[in-house]
Amino acid sequence: MVHRNPHLAKLASGYLFPEINRRKREFLVHHPEAKIISLGIGNTTEPLSPHIAHALAYAAQHLATREGYSGYGDEQGLPALREKIAHVLYKGSINPDEVFISDGAKCDLGRLQLLFGCQATIAVQDPTYPVYVDGSVLIGATGHSTDHGFKGVVYMPCTPENNFFPNLTTLPRTDLIYFCSPNNPTGAVATKKQLEQLVAFAKQNKSIIIFDAAYSEYIEEPTLPKSIYEIDGAREVAIEVSSFSKLIGFTGVRLGWCVVPQTLCYDDGTPVAKDWNRIVTTIFNGASNIAQHGGLAALDHQGQEEMKATIAYTKKNARIIRSALLELGFDAYGGINSPYIWAKRLGKTEKSWDIFNELLETSHVVTTPGSGFGPSGEGFLRFSAFGHREDVEEAVQRLQQTLR
């Protein structure tokens, strides 16, 4: 018989979010009358805005005409979309040919591992989005699992005590540094000074930063960087990954992008973008042409206004949740420049899954256990602001009734 890929056996028994769904289903078996409200998984809930939806519909209908039909497109994406991303979102700080359109940031984060192979060492924020570690596990870059994670992975504690930014002076060198700002799950946003330190650290150690900017448009404070490329020297040490999922509700439509500057090179001087282009053209046939036309519409003037309205709706949800948690005696972080609130009950030492179960059983509210994001997440919960306003308000009312 064919042997199983041994790296699959190293993964945790269940990915975090399927485990949440399993517990929710089990609860409903015993409480079928319960109405569960989810403040857990970061899935969008609001309808697509009219201008963007119209662009998707037009693109689909246009495919039914001889002059409008298109088969395979450029694997790197529509030239017009690459150009718009470079000029609208990056204000010309990158070149259009450095933008590679994809079917989402999560997919890119998995494919990027192919650039560096199984010998690459990695550092991740702790807590961190699980895909950074799990994607590395799948390619064999992390060694064996341990009680505190995986051998070969450096966990960078990012906690309230260090303002959610790691102490770089204590960290060993790694090939790759995964960094997310605004952060999922903590909602923290790195300052310009902090990112300057990160870029300098990567340069000194000849490392590559994989910068996840999927929530960048939630940043409202003008002094906070939305892109790693706002930092001098970042083009020599950083790849940036981003997505339309949380910006315009494309979680199911699937559209993202990856920026690989031409100035980013391996130790032998080979441009990383050259290999990324080879990978993209080998195992990917390009993002949906319909989805890409939706992305184009999102980046014109009307689309930008609708994007801002969608984000503002979610951020108001975040303010409602954050305010309620503070009132109920939680330490609450994020929720200002981010759709996530990172919260822990004051004066209590408790396990994340225990708090998760308590809120599920008493308030019928689903959250995300912080321990699922790494060792430093123990005792915390992540609350997601993605949801209908009436559900968010009802969930908050239930928490206020049961936790007071």
Protein backbone atom coordinates (compact mmCIF):
# COMPACT_ATOMS: atom_id res chain seq x y z
CA MET A 1 0.00 0.00 0.00
CA VAL A 2 0.99 3.63 -0.50
CA HIS A 3 2.44 5.33 2.56
CA ARG A 4 0.66 8.27 4.11
CA ASN A 5 2.39 11.65 3.97
CA PRO A 6 4.04 11.58 7.43
CA HIS A 7 3.64 15.32 7.89
CA LEU A 8 -0.16 15.00 7.97
CA ALA A 9 0.16 12.93 11.12
CA LYS A 10 1.92 15.84 12.85
CA LEU A 11 -1.07 18.13 12.58
CA ALA A 12 -3.25 18.63 15.62
CA SER A 13 -6.20 16.26 15.82
CA GLY A 14 -8.62 18.91 14.63
CA TYR A 15 -8.18 22.32 13.08
CA LEU A 16 -9.45 24.98 15.50
CA PHE A 17 -12.60 26.04 13.67
CA PRO A 18 -13.91 22.54 12.84
CA GLU A 19 -13.48 21.73 16.55
CA ILE A 20 -15.63 24.73 17.44
CA ASN A 21 -18.30 23.53 15.02
CA ARG A 22 -18.13 20.02 16.49
CA ARG A 23 -18.79 21.34 19.99
CA LYS A 24 -21.60 23.54 18.73
CA ARG A 25 -23.29 20.57 17.02
CA GLU A 26 -22.91 18.45 20.14
CA PHE A 27 -24.49 21.19 22.25
CA LEU A 28 -27.47 21.41 19.86
CA VAL A 29 -28.06 17.66 20.10
CA HIS A 30 -28.81 18.14 23.81
CA HIS A 31 -30.41 21.60 23.45
CA PRO A 32 -32.21 21.56 20.09
CA GLU A 33 -34.34 24.57 21.04
CA ALA A 34 -31.32 26.83 21.64
CA LYS A 35 -30.65 29.72 19.30
CA ILE A 36 -26.88 29.98 19.04
CA ILE A 37 -25.28 33.27 18.03
CA SER A 38 -21.71 33.07 16.77
CA LEU A 39 -19.16 35.70 17.67
CA GLY A 40 -16.46 33.19 16.84
CA ILE A 41 -15.44 32.33 13.30
CA GLY A 42 -14.46 35.36 11.24
CA ASN A 43 -16.86 34.75 8.37
CA THR A 44 -18.60 37.69 6.72
CA THR A 45 -22.39 37.89 6.92
CA GLU A 46 -23.57 41.04 5.13
CA PRO A 47 -24.74 41.07 1.49
CA LEU A 48 -22.37 42.26 -1.19
CA SER A 49 -22.71 45.96 -1.92
CA PRO A 50 -24.75 46.86 -5.05
CA HIS A 51 -21.98 48.23 -7.27
CA ILE A 52 -19.70 45.24 -6.66
CA ALA A 53 -22.53 42.71 -7.02
CA HIS A 54 -23.56 44.35 -10.30
CA ALA A 55 -20.01 44.03 -11.62
CA LEU A 56 -19.98 40.31 -10.79
CA ALA A 57 -23.35 39.79 -12.50
CA TYR A 58 -22.29 41.75 -15.57
CA ALA A 59 -19.06 39.78 -15.87
CA ALA A 60 -20.96 36.49 -15.64
CA GLN A 61 -23.56 37.58 -18.21
CA HIS A 62 -20.85 38.89 -20.53
CA LEU A 63 -19.35 35.40 -20.65
CA ALA A 64 -22.51 34.29 -22.46
CA THR A 65 -21.56 36.40 -25.49
CA ARG A 66 -18.98 35.57 -28.14
CA GLU A 67 -17.19 38.88 -27.73
CA GLY A 68 -17.27 38.70 -23.94
CA TYR A 69 -16.26 35.10 -23.39
CA SER A 70 -12.81 34.38 -22.02
CA GLY A 71 -11.17 31.09 -21.16
CA TYR A 72 -7.91 30.89 -19.29
CA GLY A 73 -6.50 34.24 -18.31
CA ASP A 74 -3.07 35.24 -17.12
CA GLU A 75 -2.19 33.13 -14.10
CA GLN A 76 -0.80 36.24 -12.42
CA GLY A 77 -4.16 38.01 -12.76
CA LEU A 78 -5.87 40.60 -14.95
CA PRO A 79 -3.34 43.35 -15.77
CA ALA A 80 -5.99 45.99 -15.01
CA LEU A 81 -6.59 44.56 -11.52
CA ARG A 82 -2.87 44.27 -10.76
CA GLU A 83 -2.45 47.90 -11.77
CA LYS A 84 -5.41 49.08 -9.68
CA ILE A 85 -4.18 47.29 -6.57
CA ALA A 86 -0.72 48.83 -7.00
CA HIS A 87 -2.04 52.37 -7.46
CA VAL A 88 -5.22 52.48 -5.34
CA LEU A 89 -4.21 50.40 -2.32
CA TYR A 90 -0.41 50.87 -2.40
CA LYS A 91 -0.33 54.42 -3.77
CA GLY A 92 2.34 53.43 -6.28
CA SER A 93 4.83 52.10 -3.69
CA ILE A 94 4.89 48.79 -5.59
CA ASN A 95 4.81 47.95 -9.29
CA PRO A 96 1.83 46.22 -10.93
CA ASP A 97 4.03 43.33 -12.09
CA GLU A 98 4.88 42.63 -8.44
CA VAL A 99 1.20 41.91 -7.67
CA PHE A 100 0.00 38.32 -8.15
CA ILE A 101 -3.78 37.82 -8.00
CA SER A 102 -4.98 34.69 -6.23
CA ASP A 103 -8.01 32.90 -4.83
CA GLY A 104 -7.36 34.20 -1.32
CA ALA A 105 -4.73 34.95 1.28
CA LYS A 106 -5.07 31.58 3.01
CA CYS A 107 -4.34 29.79 -0.27
CA ASP A 108 -1.28 31.97 -0.88
CA LEU A 109 0.02 31.34 2.62
CA GLY A 110 0.01 27.62 1.85
CA ARG A 111 1.58 27.94 -1.59
CA LEU A 112 4.31 30.31 -0.43
CA GLN A 113 5.91 27.47 1.52
CA LEU A 114 6.90 25.93 -1.81
CA LEU A 115 9.36 28.78 -2.30
CA PHE A 116 11.45 27.82 0.71
CA GLY A 117 11.09 24.06 1.15
CA CYS A 118 11.21 21.79 4.16
CA GLN A 119 14.52 23.09 5.51
CA ALA A 120 13.23 26.60 6.19
CA THR A 121 12.94 27.69 9.81
CA ILE A 122 10.04 29.91 10.82
CA ALA A 123 9.00 32.35 13.51
CA VAL A 124 5.37 33.17 14.23
CA GLN A 125 3.60 35.56 16.54
CA ASP A 126 2.10 33.88 19.57
CA PRO A 127 -0.89 33.93 19.47
CA THR A 128 -1.08 33.44 15.72
CA TYR A 129 -3.38 32.47 12.87
CA PRO A 130 -3.11 28.63 12.76
CA VAL A 131 -2.41 28.39 9.02
CA TYR A 132 1.11 29.81 9.39
CA VAL A 133 2.17 26.85 11.50
CA ASP A 134 -0.04 24.20 9.91
CA GLY A 135 1.07 25.15 6.39
CA SER A 136 4.68 24.77 7.52
CA VAL A 137 3.90 21.41 9.11
CA LEU A 138 2.43 20.10 5.86
CA ILE A 139 5.59 20.80 3.89
CA GLY A 140 7.75 19.28 6.63
CA ALA A 141 9.45 22.48 7.73
CA THR A 142 8.70 22.16 11.45
CA GLY A 143 9.99 18.82 12.68
CA HIS A 144 8.05 16.89 15.31
CA SER A 145 5.28 18.17 17.55
CA THR A 146 6.01 18.97 21.20
CA ASP A 147 3.90 19.92 24.20
CA HIS A 148 4.34 23.60 23.32
CA GLY A 149 4.03 23.50 19.53
CA PHE A 150 6.47 22.20 16.92
CA LYS A 151 10.20 21.77 16.91
CA GLY A 152 11.67 24.18 14.41
CA VAL A 153 9.05 26.86 15.04
CA VAL A 154 10.02 29.91 17.09
CA TYR A 155 7.04 31.34 18.92
CA MET A 156 7.25 35.10 19.45
CA PRO A 157 5.11 35.95 22.50
CA CYS A 158 2.85 38.94 21.75
CA THR A 159 0.94 39.75 24.92
CA PRO A 160 -0.54 42.78 26.71
CA GLU A 161 2.67 42.99 28.71
CA ASN A 162 4.79 43.76 25.61
CA ASN A 163 2.05 45.66 23.74
CA PHE A 164 1.59 42.67 21.41
CA PHE A 165 4.99 43.12 19.79
CA PRO A 166 7.78 40.57 20.34
CA ASN A 167 11.07 41.27 22.06
CA LEU A 168 13.26 40.88 18.99
CA THR A 169 16.49 41.02 21.00
CA THR A 170 15.77 37.60 22.52
CA LEU A 171 14.82 35.82 19.29
CA PRO A 172 17.07 33.47 17.33
CA ARG A 173 17.45 33.82 13.58
CA THR A 174 14.89 32.10 11.38
CA ASP A 175 14.51 32.04 7.61
CA LEU A 176 10.90 33.23 7.65
CA ILE A 177 9.05 35.56 10.01
CA TYR A 178 5.24 35.48 9.82
CA PHE A 179 3.69 38.73 10.99
CA CYS A 180 0.06 39.87 10.83
CA SER A 181 -1.12 43.46 11.35
CA PRO A 182 -3.91 44.16 12.19
CA ASN A 183 -3.39 40.94 14.02
CA ASN A 184 -5.65 37.93 13.96
CA PRO A 185 -6.56 37.08 16.72
CA THR A 186 -5.50 39.93 19.06
CA GLY A 187 -6.68 42.88 16.96
CA ALA A 188 -3.38 44.67 17.70
CA VAL A 189 -1.86 46.95 15.06
CA ALA A 190 1.90 47.44 14.82
CA THR A 191 3.18 51.00 14.88
CA LYS A 192 5.57 52.40 12.30
CA LYS A 193 8.41 52.25 14.84
CA GLN A 194 7.69 48.60 15.60
CA LEU A 195 7.65 47.66 11.92
CA GLU A 196 10.88 49.55 11.39
CA GLN A 197 12.40 47.37 14.12
CA LEU A 198 11.00 44.25 12.43
CA VAL A 199 12.42 45.20 9.02
CA ALA A 200 15.81 46.01 10.56
CA PHE A 201 15.77 42.66 12.39
CA ALA A 202 15.00 40.81 9.14
CA LYS A 203 17.77 42.66 7.31
CA GLN A 204 20.30 41.93 10.03
CA ASN A 205 19.43 38.23 10.05
CA LYS A 206 18.89 37.93 6.28
CA SER A 207 15.35 36.67 6.91
CA ILE A 208 12.17 37.13 4.88
CA ILE A 209 9.02 38.57 6.45
CA ILE A 210 5.70 37.16 5.27
CA PHE A 211 3.40 40.02 6.16
CA ASP A 212 -0.33 39.29 6.38
CA ALA A 213 -2.25 42.51 5.71
CA ALA A 214 -5.69 40.98 5.19
CA TYR A 215 -7.32 43.46 7.62
CA SER A 216 -5.35 46.56 6.64
CA GLU A 217 -8.36 48.61 5.54
CA TYR A 218 -9.76 48.40 9.09
CA ILE A 219 -6.98 50.73 10.25
CA GLU A 220 -8.45 54.17 10.85
CA GLU A 221 -5.56 55.90 12.63
CA PRO A 222 -3.43 57.65 9.96
CA THR A 223 -0.15 57.10 11.84
CA LEU A 224 -0.49 53.31 11.73
CA PRO A 225 0.96 51.59 8.62
CA LYS A 226 -1.42 49.62 6.42
CA SER A 227 1.38 47.93 4.49
CA ILE A 228 4.87 46.72 5.32
CA TYR A 229 6.04 48.64 2.25
CA GLU A 230 5.44 51.92 4.08
CA ILE A 231 8.67 51.03 5.89
CA ASP A 232 11.98 51.91 4.26
CA GLY A 233 13.88 48.80 3.20
CA ALA A 234 10.87 46.46 3.38
CA ARG A 235 11.01 45.77 -0.35
CA GLU A 236 14.29 43.92 0.21
CA VAL A 237 12.96 41.64 2.97
CA ALA A 238 9.18 41.24 2.77
CA ILE A 239 6.37 39.49 0.93
CA GLU A 240 2.88 40.85 1.60
CA VAL A 241 -0.31 38.80 1.43
CA SER A 242 -3.80 40.30 1.41
CA SER A 243 -7.37 39.60 0.43
CA PHE A 244 -10.75 41.00 -0.58
CA SER A 245 -12.52 38.57 1.78
CA LYS A 246 -12.96 40.81 4.81
CA LEU A 247 -12.90 44.08 2.86
CA ILE A 248 -15.91 43.53 0.59
CA GLY A 249 -17.37 40.20 1.73
CA PHE A 250 -15.55 37.95 -0.75
CA THR A 251 -15.00 35.06 1.69
CA GLY A 252 -16.99 32.78 -0.62
CA VAL A 253 -16.23 34.56 -3.88
CA ARG A 254 -12.47 34.02 -3.28
CA LEU A 255 -10.08 36.76 -4.38
CA GLY A 256 -6.78 37.91 -2.92
CA TRP A 257 -3.28 38.92 -3.89
CA CYS A 258 0.35 38.54 -2.99
CA VAL A 259 3.07 41.16 -3.47
CA VAL A 260 6.58 39.88 -4.20
CA PRO A 261 8.96 42.78 -4.93
CA GLN A 262 11.54 42.35 -7.65
CA THR A 263 14.16 43.56 -5.16
CA LEU A 264 13.58 40.58 -2.81
CA CYS A 265 16.25 37.94 -3.46
CA TYR A 266 17.52 34.64 -2.10
CA ASP A 267 21.01 34.35 -0.69
CA ASP A 268 22.34 33.50 -4.17
CA GLY A 269 20.89 36.67 -5.68
CA THR A 270 17.99 34.99 -7.52
CA PRO A 271 14.81 37.13 -7.38
CA VAL A 272 12.13 35.42 -5.27
CA ALA A 273 9.50 36.77 -7.68
CA LYS A 274 10.99 34.68 -10.48
CA ASP A 275 10.33 31.45 -8.56
CA TRP A 276 6.92 32.66 -7.35
CA ASN A 277 5.91 33.32 -10.94
CA ARG A 278 7.04 29.78 -11.83
CA ILE A 279 4.99 28.27 -9.00
CA VAL A 280 1.90 30.31 -9.85
CA THR A 281 2.05 29.39 -13.54
CA THR A 282 2.66 25.72 -12.73
CA ILE A 283 0.01 24.84 -10.12
CA PHE A 284 -2.53 27.66 -10.45
CA ASN A 285 -4.67 28.66 -13.42
CA GLY A 286 -5.55 32.07 -12.06
CA ALA A 287 -8.37 33.52 -9.97
CA SER A 288 -11.91 33.48 -11.34
CA ASN A 289 -12.30 36.06 -14.09
CA ILE A 290 -15.73 36.91 -12.67
CA ALA A 291 -14.29 37.51 -9.19
CA GLN A 292 -11.53 39.68 -10.62
CA HIS A 293 -14.07 41.98 -12.23
CA GLY A 294 -15.69 42.29 -8.81
CA GLY A 295 -12.30 43.30 -7.47
CA LEU A 296 -11.94 45.93 -10.19
CA ALA A 297 -15.31 47.41 -9.24
CA ALA A 298 -14.31 47.46 -5.57
CA LEU A 299 -11.33 49.67 -6.39
CA ASP A 300 -13.12 52.34 -8.39
CA HIS A 301 -14.59 55.38 -6.62
CA GLN A 302 -18.06 53.95 -5.96
CA GLY A 303 -16.62 50.60 -4.93
CA GLN A 304 -14.27 52.30 -2.46
CA GLU A 305 -17.19 54.12 -0.87
CA GLU A 306 -19.14 50.87 -0.54
CA MET A 307 -16.07 49.14 0.91
CA LYS A 308 -15.74 51.85 3.54
CA ALA A 309 -19.42 51.45 4.46
CA THR A 310 -19.08 47.67 4.81
CA ILE A 311 -16.02 48.04 7.03
CA ALA A 312 -17.68 50.76 9.12
CA TYR A 313 -20.64 48.46 9.78
CA THR A 314 -18.36 45.71 11.09
CA LYS A 315 -16.31 48.15 13.17
CA LYS A 316 -19.46 49.44 14.88
CA ASN A 317 -20.23 45.83 15.81
CA ALA A 318 -16.72 45.61 17.25
CA ARG A 319 -17.24 48.72 19.37
CA ILE A 320 -20.50 47.31 20.74
CA ILE A 321 -18.83 44.03 21.74
CA ARG A 322 -15.72 45.68 23.17
CA SER A 323 -17.71 48.15 25.25
CA ALA A 324 -19.88 45.39 26.72
CA LEU A 325 -16.88 43.22 27.61
CA LEU A 326 -15.13 46.09 29.38
CA GLU A 327 -18.32 46.75 31.34
CA LEU A 328 -18.50 43.06 32.32
CA GLY A 329 -15.02 43.06 33.83
CA PHE A 330 -12.95 41.78 30.93
CA ASP A 331 -9.61 43.04 29.75
CA ALA A 332 -10.41 43.73 26.09
CA TYR A 333 -7.97 44.57 23.30
CA GLY A 334 -8.44 45.29 19.61
CA GLY A 335 -11.83 46.17 18.17
CA ILE A 336 -10.75 49.66 17.09
CA ASN A 337 -8.56 49.19 14.02
CA SER A 338 -9.61 45.56 13.69
CA PRO A 339 -12.75 43.38 13.51
CA TYR A 340 -11.48 41.21 16.40
CA ILE A 341 -11.60 41.71 20.16
CA TRP A 342 -9.16 39.77 22.34
CA ALA A 343 -10.54 39.40 25.86
CA LYS A 344 -9.75 37.83 29.22
CA ARG A 345 -11.64 37.98 32.50
CA LEU A 346 -9.91 40.11 35.08
CA GLY A 347 -8.64 38.40 38.20
CA LYS A 348 -9.35 34.86 37.02
CA THR A 349 -7.09 32.01 35.95
CA GLU A 350 -9.09 29.81 33.62
CA LYS A 351 -8.69 27.77 30.47
CA SER A 352 -9.89 29.16 27.14
CA TRP A 353 -12.00 26.10 26.32
CA ASP A 354 -13.62 26.30 29.78
CA ILE A 355 -14.72 29.89 29.16
CA PHE A 356 -15.85 28.90 25.66
CA ASN A 357 -18.03 26.12 27.10
CA GLU A 358 -19.42 28.41 29.81
CA LEU A 359 -20.56 31.06 27.35
CA LEU A 360 -21.98 28.44 25.00
CA GLU A 361 -23.97 26.77 27.78
CA THR A 362 -25.16 29.87 29.66
CA SER A 363 -25.50 32.50 26.91
CA HIS A 364 -25.67 30.29 23.81
CA VAL A 365 -22.92 32.46 22.35
CA VAL A 366 -20.01 30.97 20.41
CA THR A 367 -16.55 32.53 20.64
CA THR A 368 -13.07 31.32 19.66
CA PRO A 369 -10.78 29.89 22.40
CA GLY A 370 -7.53 31.80 22.51
CA SER A 371 -5.49 28.67 23.21
CA GLY A 372 -6.22 27.56 19.64
CA PHE A 373 -3.96 30.37 18.42
CA GLY A 374 -0.90 29.39 20.46
CA PRO A 375 0.45 29.02 24.01
CA SER A 376 0.14 32.75 24.80
CA GLY A 377 -3.54 32.63 23.93
CA GLU A 378 -4.47 30.49 26.93
CA GLY A 379 -7.12 32.17 29.08
CA PHE A 380 -8.26 34.50 26.27
CA LEU A 381 -11.20 34.43 23.89
CA ARG A 382 -11.42 35.98 20.46
CA PHE A 383 -14.69 37.75 19.68
CA SER A 384 -15.46 38.41 16.02
CA ALA A 385 -17.43 41.46 14.92
CA PHE A 386 -18.63 39.84 11.71
CA GLY A 387 -22.38 39.37 12.10
CA HIS A 388 -25.78 40.96 11.67
CA ARG A 389 -26.22 43.95 13.97
CA GLU A 390 -29.31 42.50 15.61
CA ASP A 391 -27.45 39.26 16.41
CA VAL A 392 -24.49 41.14 17.86
CA GLU A 393 -26.79 43.23 20.04
CA GLU A 394 -28.71 40.16 21.22
CA ALA A 395 -25.48 38.29 21.99
CA VAL A 396 -24.24 41.23 24.05
CA GLN A 397 -27.55 41.36 25.96
CA ARG A 398 -27.28 37.66 26.77
CA LEU A 399 -23.71 38.05 28.02
CA GLN A 400 -24.80 40.99 30.18
CA GLN A 401 -27.63 38.91 31.68
CA THR A 402 -25.56 35.80 32.43
CA LEU A 403 -22.19 37.26 33.42
CA ARG A 404 -23.26 40.06 35.74
